[in-house]
Protein backbone atom coordinates (compact mmCIF):
# COMPACT_ATOMS: atom_id res chain seq x y z
CA MET A 1 -1.51 11.97 19.28
CA GLU A 2 -5.45 11.94 18.45
CA TYR A 3 -7.12 10.86 15.44
CA ILE A 4 -9.86 11.96 13.93
CA SER A 5 -12.24 10.92 11.01
CA THR A 6 -12.09 12.83 7.87
CA ARG A 7 -16.21 13.35 8.03
CA GLY A 8 -16.05 14.38 11.20
CA GLY A 9 -18.97 12.02 12.60
CA VAL A 10 -17.53 10.13 15.57
CA GLY A 11 -15.15 11.15 18.29
CA ALA A 12 -11.36 11.14 18.36
CA VAL A 13 -9.35 7.81 18.90
CA ASP A 14 -5.69 6.88 19.68
CA PHE A 15 -3.28 4.99 17.51
CA GLU A 16 -4.61 1.74 18.65
CA GLY A 17 -8.10 2.65 17.78
CA ALA A 18 -7.01 4.29 14.29
CA LEU A 19 -5.25 0.80 13.75
CA PHE A 20 -7.89 -1.66 14.50
CA SER A 21 -10.60 0.40 12.66
CA GLY A 22 -9.42 1.25 9.26
CA TYR A 23 -12.41 2.73 8.10
CA ALA A 24 -14.11 5.14 10.53
CA PRO A 25 -17.55 4.36 11.99
CA ASP A 26 -18.91 7.00 10.00
CA GLY A 27 -17.10 5.64 6.72
CA GLY A 28 -14.32 8.15 6.47
CA LEU A 29 -10.78 8.00 7.24
CA PHE A 30 -8.72 8.41 10.49
CA MET A 31 -6.04 10.69 10.35
CA PRO A 32 -4.13 12.47 12.99
CA ARG A 33 -5.41 15.78 14.33
CA SER A 34 -2.35 17.54 13.81
CA ILE A 35 0.69 17.02 11.80
CA PRO A 36 3.77 17.49 13.17
CA SER A 37 6.19 20.32 11.76
CA LEU A 38 10.01 19.55 11.11
CA ASP A 39 12.64 22.48 11.59
CA ARG A 40 15.56 22.50 9.21
CA ASP A 41 17.93 21.21 12.16
CA THR A 42 15.84 17.91 12.28
CA LEU A 43 15.67 17.23 8.53
CA GLN A 44 19.49 17.71 8.28
CA ARG A 45 19.88 15.49 11.41
CA TRP A 46 17.47 12.76 9.63
CA SER A 47 19.35 13.53 6.37
CA SER A 48 21.78 10.64 7.06
CA LEU A 49 19.55 8.05 8.55
CA SER A 50 19.26 4.93 7.02
CA TYR A 51 15.42 4.06 5.95
CA ARG A 52 14.77 1.50 8.61
CA GLU A 53 15.67 4.54 11.06
CA LEU A 54 13.48 6.79 9.34
CA VAL A 55 10.57 4.77 9.68
CA LYS A 56 11.47 4.59 13.77
CA GLU A 57 11.73 8.36 13.90
CA LEU A 58 8.55 9.11 11.60
CA CYS A 59 6.33 6.45 13.86
CA SER A 60 7.47 7.68 17.07
CA LEU A 61 5.99 11.39 16.43
CA PHE A 62 2.54 9.17 15.53
CA ILE A 63 2.48 6.82 18.55
CA PRO A 64 3.35 8.11 21.85
CA ALA A 65 5.74 6.08 23.83
CA GLU A 66 3.15 5.77 26.82
CA LEU A 67 1.44 3.54 24.30
CA VAL A 68 3.97 1.58 22.66
CA PRO A 69 7.55 2.24 24.40
CA ARG A 70 10.22 3.51 21.92
CA ASN A 71 12.45 0.21 22.49
CA THR A 72 9.62 -1.65 21.86
CA LEU A 73 8.34 0.18 18.47
CA ASN A 74 12.23 -0.12 17.66
CA ASP A 75 12.23 -3.67 17.96
CA LEU A 76 8.70 -3.75 16.37
CA ILE A 77 9.93 -2.39 13.29
CA ASN A 78 13.13 -4.38 13.06
CA ARG A 79 11.13 -7.57 13.18
CA ALA A 80 8.83 -6.15 10.30
CA PHE A 81 11.93 -5.59 8.13
CA SER A 82 13.79 -8.66 9.11
CA ARG A 83 12.49 -10.42 6.15
CA PHE A 84 13.42 -7.99 3.06
CA ARG A 85 15.95 -9.26 0.87
CA HIS A 86 18.08 -5.96 0.64
CA LYS A 87 20.15 -5.12 3.49
CA ASP A 88 18.96 -1.26 3.38
CA VAL A 89 15.14 -2.39 3.26
CA VAL A 90 14.65 -0.14 0.03
CA HIS A 91 17.33 0.78 -2.41
CA LEU A 92 17.72 3.89 -4.81
CA SER A 93 18.75 3.09 -8.17
CA ARG A 94 21.04 5.99 -10.32
CA LEU A 95 20.27 5.51 -14.28
CA LYS A 96 20.86 7.39 -17.23
CA ASP A 97 19.31 10.40 -18.15
CA GLY A 98 18.86 11.35 -14.59
CA LEU A 99 16.31 8.77 -14.02
CA ASN A 100 16.13 7.81 -10.18
CA VAL A 101 14.26 4.84 -9.18
CA LEU A 102 13.44 3.98 -5.52
CA GLU A 103 13.00 0.36 -5.34
CA LEU A 104 10.52 -0.30 -2.75
CA TRP A 105 9.93 -3.98 -3.50
CA HIS A 106 12.59 -5.74 -1.82
CA GLY A 107 9.94 -7.62 0.92
CA VAL A 108 8.42 -11.05 0.47
CA THR A 109 5.81 -10.55 -2.18
CA TYR A 110 8.35 -8.16 -4.05
CA ALA A 111 5.91 -5.16 -3.78
CA PHE A 112 6.03 -1.79 -1.97
CA LYS A 113 3.13 -2.93 0.54
CA ASP A 114 5.24 -5.09 2.17
CA LEU A 115 6.96 -2.01 3.98
CA SER A 116 4.03 -0.74 5.12
CA LEU A 117 2.04 -3.99 6.17
CA SER A 118 4.90 -5.84 7.53
CA CYS A 119 4.77 -2.94 10.29
CA THR A 120 0.85 -2.74 10.43
CA GLY A 121 1.53 -6.75 11.17
CA GLN A 122 3.93 -6.19 13.88
CA PHE A 123 1.58 -3.31 15.78
CA LEU A 124 -1.34 -5.52 15.60
CA GLN A 125 0.27 -8.48 17.09
CA TYR A 126 1.53 -6.14 19.66
CA PHE A 127 -1.68 -4.84 20.99
CA LEU A 128 -3.76 -8.13 20.51
CA GLU A 129 -1.16 -10.06 22.46
CA LYS A 130 -1.39 -7.49 25.31
CA LYS A 131 -5.41 -7.88 25.22
CA GLN A 132 -5.56 -11.67 24.29
CA LYS A 133 -8.07 -10.36 21.51
CA HIS A 134 -9.13 -11.51 18.14
CA VAL A 135 -9.71 -9.68 15.00
CA THR A 136 -11.16 -10.35 11.38
CA ILE A 137 -9.39 -8.86 8.76
CA LEU A 138 -11.13 -8.05 5.26
CA VAL A 139 -9.24 -7.03 2.28
CA GLY A 140 -10.10 -6.04 -1.10
CA THR A 141 -7.09 -6.03 -3.27
CA SER A 142 -6.22 -5.22 -7.16
CA GLY A 143 -3.41 -6.93 -7.04
CA ASP A 144 -0.47 -6.54 -4.63
CA THR A 145 -2.35 -5.31 -1.14
CA GLY A 146 -3.75 -8.73 -0.66
CA SER A 147 -0.50 -10.93 -0.98
CA SER A 148 1.52 -8.69 1.36
CA ALA A 149 -1.69 -8.29 3.71
CA ILE A 150 -1.53 -12.25 3.77
CA GLU A 151 2.36 -12.53 4.44
CA SER A 152 2.24 -9.91 7.23
CA VAL A 153 -0.40 -12.08 9.28
CA ARG A 154 0.00 -15.79 7.96
CA GLY A 155 -0.17 -18.28 10.71
CA GLN A 156 -1.13 -15.84 13.58
CA LYS A 157 -3.86 -17.49 15.73
CA ASN A 158 -5.33 -14.39 16.94
CA MET A 159 -5.91 -12.82 13.48
CA ASP A 160 -8.26 -14.36 10.76
CA ILE A 161 -7.94 -12.66 6.83
CA PHE A 162 -10.58 -12.61 4.45
CA VAL A 163 -9.29 -11.53 1.01
CA LEU A 164 -11.40 -10.71 -2.05
CA LEU A 165 -9.43 -10.47 -5.44
CA PRO A 166 -10.59 -9.80 -8.83
CA LYS A 167 -10.26 -12.76 -11.00
CA GLY A 168 -8.70 -11.59 -14.07
CA PHE A 169 -7.51 -8.43 -13.16
CA CYS A 170 -4.46 -9.49 -11.21
CA THR A 171 -1.38 -11.07 -12.88
CA GLN A 172 -0.88 -14.82 -12.67
CA ILE A 173 1.75 -14.27 -9.94
CA GLN A 174 0.30 -11.88 -7.88
CA GLU A 175 -3.08 -14.76 -7.53
CA LEU A 176 -0.79 -17.25 -7.07
CA GLN A 177 0.94 -15.36 -3.80
CA MET A 178 -2.35 -15.14 -2.69
CA THR A 179 -3.69 -18.46 -3.33
CA THR A 180 -0.95 -20.97 -2.19
CA VAL A 181 -1.05 -19.37 1.24
CA ILE A 182 -3.08 -22.80 2.92
CA GLU A 183 -2.73 -21.35 6.74
CA ASP A 184 -5.95 -22.08 8.73
CA ASN A 185 -6.22 -18.05 9.17
CA VAL A 186 -6.22 -17.17 5.59
CA HIS A 187 -9.29 -17.20 3.06
CA VAL A 188 -9.08 -16.14 -0.24
CA PHE A 189 -12.14 -15.37 -2.42
CA ALA A 190 -11.74 -15.06 -6.56
CA ALA A 191 -14.80 -12.60 -7.36
CA ARG A 192 -15.80 -12.07 -11.14
CA GLY A 193 -16.04 -8.33 -10.93
CA ASN A 194 -13.33 -5.55 -10.93
CA SER A 195 -11.71 -3.74 -8.06
CA ASP A 196 -14.09 -1.59 -7.19
CA GLU A 197 -16.65 -3.97 -7.22
CA ILE A 198 -15.30 -6.31 -4.49
CA ASP A 199 -14.85 -3.29 -2.32
CA GLU A 200 -18.93 -3.34 -2.17
CA PRO A 201 -19.39 -6.40 0.14
CA ILE A 202 -16.58 -5.35 2.12
CA LYS A 203 -18.01 -1.79 2.91
CA GLU A 204 -21.50 -3.56 3.31
CA LEU A 205 -20.05 -5.38 6.42
CA PHE A 206 -18.35 -2.76 8.07
CA ALA A 207 -21.72 -0.76 7.56
CA ASP A 208 -23.28 -3.36 9.66
CA VAL A 209 -22.12 -1.99 12.93
CA ASP A 210 -23.39 -5.08 15.22
CA PHE A 211 -21.66 -7.40 13.04
CA ALA A 212 -18.09 -5.61 12.70
CA GLN A 213 -18.25 -5.23 16.44
CA LYS A 214 -19.22 -9.13 17.28
CA TYR A 215 -16.34 -10.30 14.91
CA ASN A 216 -14.20 -7.21 15.48
CA LEU A 217 -13.85 -6.65 11.74
CA MET A 218 -10.80 -4.33 10.71
CA SER A 219 -9.07 -3.40 7.34
CA LEU A 220 -5.74 -3.36 5.84
CA ASN A 221 -6.32 -1.51 2.93
CA SER A 222 -4.67 1.80 1.65
CA VAL A 223 -7.47 3.59 4.40
CA ASN A 224 -5.46 2.03 7.08
CA TRP A 225 -3.48 4.83 9.27
CA SER A 226 -0.65 3.00 9.80
CA ARG A 227 -0.08 2.04 6.33
CA ILE A 228 0.00 5.71 5.27
CA MET A 229 2.20 6.43 8.26
CA VAL A 230 5.16 4.11 7.42
CA GLN A 231 4.68 4.99 3.79
CA ILE A 232 5.76 8.64 4.75
CA ALA A 233 8.97 7.40 5.26
CA HIS A 234 9.57 6.65 1.36
CA HIS A 235 9.56 10.52 0.86
CA PHE A 236 11.65 11.41 3.31
CA TYR A 237 14.40 8.86 2.15
CA ALA A 238 13.50 9.77 -1.65
CA TYR A 239 14.28 13.39 -0.70
CA PHE A 240 17.36 12.87 1.45
CA GLN A 241 18.93 10.70 -1.27
CA CYS A 242 18.21 12.82 -4.18
CA ALA A 243 18.34 16.36 -2.87
CA PRO A 244 21.93 17.99 -4.26
CA SER A 245 22.63 19.67 -0.55
CA LEU A 246 21.06 20.65 2.59
CA ASP A 247 23.31 23.18 3.24
CA ILE A 248 21.68 25.99 0.81
CA ASN A 249 18.98 28.16 1.78
CA PRO A 250 15.99 27.75 1.07
CA LEU A 251 16.39 23.71 1.05
CA PRO A 252 16.11 22.45 -2.57
CA VAL A 253 12.81 21.17 -4.27
CA VAL A 254 12.85 17.42 -5.13
CA GLU A 255 10.07 16.23 -7.50
CA ILE A 256 8.67 12.55 -6.18
CA VAL A 257 6.77 10.84 -8.82
CA VAL A 258 4.22 8.61 -7.27
CA PRO A 259 2.47 5.90 -9.32
CA THR A 260 -1.25 6.04 -8.15
CA GLY A 261 -3.83 3.67 -7.24
CA GLY A 262 -5.99 3.88 -4.12
CA GLY A 263 -4.24 7.08 -3.10
CA GLY A 264 -2.31 5.58 0.02
CA ASN A 265 1.30 6.58 -1.26
CA ILE A 266 0.25 9.94 -2.59
CA THR A 267 -1.44 10.90 0.39
CA ALA A 268 1.75 9.59 2.71
CA GLY A 269 3.68 12.27 0.17
CA CYS A 270 0.84 15.20 1.04
CA ILE A 271 1.58 14.47 4.95
CA ALA A 272 5.50 14.59 4.15
CA GLN A 273 4.79 17.96 2.58
CA LYS A 274 2.89 19.38 5.51
CA MET A 275 5.53 18.25 8.02
CA GLY A 276 8.32 20.49 6.01
CA LEU A 277 9.79 18.33 3.36
CA PRO A 278 10.21 20.22 0.36
CA ILE A 279 9.08 18.03 -2.44
CA GLN A 280 6.67 18.50 -5.14
CA LEU A 281 4.32 15.83 -5.92
CA VAL A 282 3.59 14.25 -9.19
CA THR A 283 0.85 11.65 -8.92
CA VAL A 284 1.03 9.48 -12.29
CA VAL A 285 -1.70 7.25 -13.38
CA ASN A 286 -2.71 4.91 -16.51
CA SER A 287 -5.50 5.30 -18.59
CA ASN A 288 -7.97 4.81 -15.90
CA ASP A 289 -7.31 8.60 -15.13
CA ILE A 290 -9.79 10.01 -12.50
CA ILE A 291 -7.06 11.39 -10.37
CA HIS A 292 -5.37 12.79 -13.13
CA ARG A 293 -8.66 14.40 -14.60
CA THR A 294 -9.43 15.50 -10.95
CA VAL A 295 -5.93 17.38 -10.73
CA GLN A 296 -6.04 18.67 -14.43
CA HIS A 297 -9.72 19.80 -14.57
CA GLY A 298 -11.37 19.31 -11.57
CA ASP A 299 -13.34 16.33 -13.34
CA PHE A 300 -14.30 14.05 -10.71
CA SER A 301 -16.71 11.92 -12.40
CA LEU A 302 -16.51 8.24 -12.50
CA SER A 303 -15.70 6.22 -15.69
CA GLU A 304 -18.86 3.83 -17.03
CA SER A 305 -16.48 1.49 -16.71
CA VAL A 306 -12.48 0.08 -15.61
CA LYS A 307 -10.45 -0.99 -18.23
CA PRO A 308 -8.03 -3.86 -17.64
CA THR A 309 -4.45 -2.28 -18.29
CA LEU A 310 -0.87 -3.36 -17.77
CA ALA A 311 -0.86 -1.33 -14.51
CA SER A 312 -3.58 -3.07 -12.86
CA ALA A 313 -3.12 -1.48 -9.50
CA MET A 314 -3.98 1.59 -10.34
CA ASP A 315 -7.71 0.43 -11.86
CA ILE A 316 -9.56 2.24 -9.00
CA GLN A 317 -12.34 4.62 -9.74
CA ASP A 318 -14.26 4.97 -6.46
CA LEU A 319 -11.73 7.66 -4.40
CA HIS A 320 -13.11 8.93 -1.31
CA ARG A 321 -11.90 12.22 -1.52
CA LYS A 322 -10.38 14.57 -4.13
CA LEU A 323 -6.78 15.08 -4.01
CA SER A 324 -4.96 17.92 -3.21
CA GLN A 325 -4.77 20.62 -6.26
CA THR A 326 -1.16 21.44 -5.49
CA LEU A 327 -0.45 17.90 -7.23
CA ARG A 328 0.89 17.96 -10.78
CA SER A 329 -0.29 15.01 -12.64
CA CYS A 330 0.24 12.70 -15.53
CA SER A 331 -1.54 9.89 -17.16
CA ALA A 332 0.15 7.21 -19.35
CA SER A 333 -1.34 5.01 -21.75
CA ASP A 334 -0.19 1.18 -22.08
CA GLU A 335 1.94 2.22 -25.30
CA ASP A 336 3.48 4.98 -23.12
CA ILE A 337 4.12 2.21 -20.44
CA VAL A 338 5.66 -0.15 -23.12
CA ARG A 339 7.79 2.57 -24.49
CA ALA A 340 9.12 3.52 -20.84
CA MET A 341 9.85 -0.33 -20.16
CA GLN A 342 12.04 -0.40 -23.38
CA HIS A 343 13.59 2.96 -23.02
CA CYS A 344 14.91 2.18 -19.64
CA TRP A 345 16.23 -1.28 -20.57
CA GLU A 346 17.93 0.10 -23.89
CA GLU A 347 19.44 2.61 -21.99
CA ASN A 348 20.26 0.79 -18.66
CA HIS A 349 19.50 -2.89 -18.81
CA TYR A 350 17.50 -2.21 -15.79
CA LEU A 351 13.49 -3.57 -15.62
CA LEU A 352 10.94 -1.53 -14.78
CA CYS A 353 7.33 -2.92 -13.78
CA PRO A 354 4.47 -1.47 -15.92
CA HIS A 355 3.54 0.81 -12.80
CA SER A 356 7.11 2.13 -12.44
CA ALA A 357 7.16 2.75 -15.90
CA VAL A 358 4.48 5.29 -15.46
CA ALA A 359 6.41 7.06 -13.51
CA ALA A 360 9.28 6.79 -15.78
CA HIS A 361 7.41 8.08 -18.74
CA TYR A 362 6.68 11.07 -16.71
CA HIS A 363 10.31 11.45 -16.08
CA TYR A 364 11.36 11.01 -19.95
CA SER A 365 8.83 13.52 -21.09
CA GLN A 366 10.11 16.25 -18.63
CA PRO A 367 13.07 18.74 -19.14
CA GLU A 368 16.31 18.07 -17.21
CA GLY A 369 17.34 20.57 -14.37
CA THR A 370 14.71 19.71 -11.14
CA PRO A 371 16.13 16.61 -9.16
CA ARG A 372 13.39 13.87 -9.57
CA CYS A 373 13.07 10.52 -8.09
CA CYS A 374 10.46 7.98 -9.17
CA LEU A 375 8.88 5.50 -6.51
CA ALA A 376 9.12 1.69 -8.02
CA PRO A 377 6.05 -0.07 -6.49
CA ALA A 378 6.80 -3.68 -7.72
CA SER A 379 9.35 -5.89 -9.23
CA ALA A 380 9.22 -6.34 -13.19
CA ALA A 381 9.33 -10.09 -12.09
CA LYS A 382 5.63 -9.99 -11.22
CA PHE A 383 4.39 -8.58 -14.44
CA GLN A 384 5.68 -11.25 -17.15
CA ASP A 385 2.77 -10.55 -19.49
CA ALA A 386 3.59 -6.80 -19.62
CA LEU A 387 7.39 -7.67 -20.14
CA LEU A 388 6.74 -10.23 -23.30
CA ARG A 389 4.50 -7.17 -24.95
CA ALA A 390 7.39 -5.05 -24.31
CA GLY A 391 9.61 -7.47 -25.92
CA LEU A 392 11.45 -8.07 -22.62
CA ASP A 393 12.21 -11.64 -20.70
CA PRO A 394 13.69 -11.79 -17.61
CA GLN A 395 14.50 -14.64 -15.16
CA LEU A 396 12.28 -14.96 -12.57
CA PRO A 397 13.41 -15.26 -8.96
CA PRO A 398 13.30 -19.05 -7.52
CA ASP A 399 10.55 -18.41 -4.93
CA ILE A 400 8.63 -16.98 -7.67
CA SER A 401 8.88 -19.61 -10.21
CA ALA A 402 7.95 -22.37 -7.24
CA LEU A 403 4.53 -20.80 -7.10
CA THR A 404 3.33 -22.40 -10.02
CA VAL A 405 3.63 -26.11 -8.96
CA MET A 406 2.46 -25.13 -5.39
CA GLU A 407 -1.12 -26.37 -3.79
CA THR A 408 -3.74 -23.51 -4.31
CA ARG A 409 -6.80 -22.64 -2.26
CA SER A 410 -9.60 -20.06 -2.76
CA THR A 411 -13.23 -19.67 -2.63
CA PRO A 412 -14.83 -18.50 -6.27
CA LEU A 413 -17.68 -15.95 -5.99
CA GLU A 414 -19.96 -15.57 -9.28
CA ARG A 415 -21.58 -12.85 -10.64
CA GLY A 416 -25.34 -13.07 -9.09
CA GLN A 417 -24.15 -14.18 -5.54
CA ASP A 418 -24.53 -11.80 -2.64
CA TRP A 419 -20.99 -11.78 -1.99
CA ALA A 420 -21.72 -9.92 1.36
CA GLU A 421 -23.55 -12.79 2.58
CA VAL A 422 -20.95 -15.22 1.47
CA LEU A 423 -18.47 -13.46 3.75
CA ARG A 424 -20.88 -13.16 6.37
CA GLU A 425 -21.39 -16.88 6.64
CA ARG A 426 -17.64 -17.60 6.35
CA ILE A 427 -16.94 -15.47 8.99
CA GLN A 428 -19.65 -16.78 11.23
CA ALA A 429 -18.19 -20.32 10.55
CA ARG A 430 -14.74 -19.29 11.43
CA ALA A 431 -15.90 -18.23 14.63
CA GLN A 432 -17.74 -20.90 15.57
CA GLN A 433 -14.64 -23.08 14.75
CA TRP A 434 -12.72 -20.85 16.95
CA GLU A 435 -15.29 -21.30 19.94
CA MET A 436 -15.62 -24.95 19.41
CA SER A 437 -11.35 -25.55 19.53
CA GLY A 438 -11.50 -23.51 22.79
CA GLN A 439 -9.52 -20.77 21.88
CA GLY A 440 -12.77 -18.29 21.72
CA ILE A 441 -13.24 -14.97 20.60
CA THR A 442 -12.52 -11.94 23.15
CA GLN A 443 -15.12 -8.95 22.23
CA SER A 444 -14.30 -5.46 21.88
């Protein structure tokens, strides 16, 4: 299995190369040269698998056994999911009005990104231990990516992670999940900017090829193929849980409703389609609606500013490529989000996070008929302000409540500072600490 850049400016790499690159050197994304096609027999066989086993089967298609032996791959995935609170890793809640909610948030940080990043952390550790190599991970986050990425690598001796968060654009819980991790290999920066602005210094450092190679820079944002690969499993599992029968011909279509921010989850869905899964994808966004405008009208223009909204993880305007014109789409206002949260609570006594509520808003606006599954990317417990606005007041899980009294650590990045230079200096200083400690950093 070879991986090539979406911009076509560099040669092919294997899975290990795609894993450690994040962005390709030409600024594109590494994607498989070819997508495996699954026949009906395979789909029927997979339909009885657990989520955990589905992830193993899918990853084995994209990671050759000569690179990671299958038994080892299985062990890595089992280890990745060992900290999840639900025995099935993910869980489908079947609610009134035909609303099916696939809960993807039973990991450590109560967000769906724990699923892919916990696996990615294990894959990284496997290769780093084999080669005695150190990497520097750069992450820009609009909410949940940073904490999930931190949890996937915290305490590891051969990885340092530098996370930029947009101050004021994350919830208090999201920010605390990052700033309360004080391991030596975790470095959090609170920037006075939005989610697009914090990506700029990261792109600048990756564009400095000499610097990137010297310090083994890599990304764990949505662009990393390893994350997209694991997220393909959401769509297969949702389909198998919600399809009425796999014994009819042609196979029934299930609509998968995907709250969309950076596009990684919807990209995984598009790949699942190409593999032969009979799903209709619906990308749902908040009022920062570039994806909706692109799908509906071919309008890929950037807004003058990114608006703070209840569903902050969708506040991303700088997309790298147009989404497939075969997608359906829907945009929800903050009022729509609140109404969907209230409706779901009144009917089911079930709490939706604001991102999940965008998907539920779409469901409530559609006629009955087509089987549908709404992906729920985060626990409602992480979004207290949105819940209060909807008149809802849940109890916080104890591990989230404990964050408010824990020690925090972060570095402020103010407007007017050269954020790339601040990062550059900190990365260099960390490298010097490694050298002085005698551990050293192995060059690529």
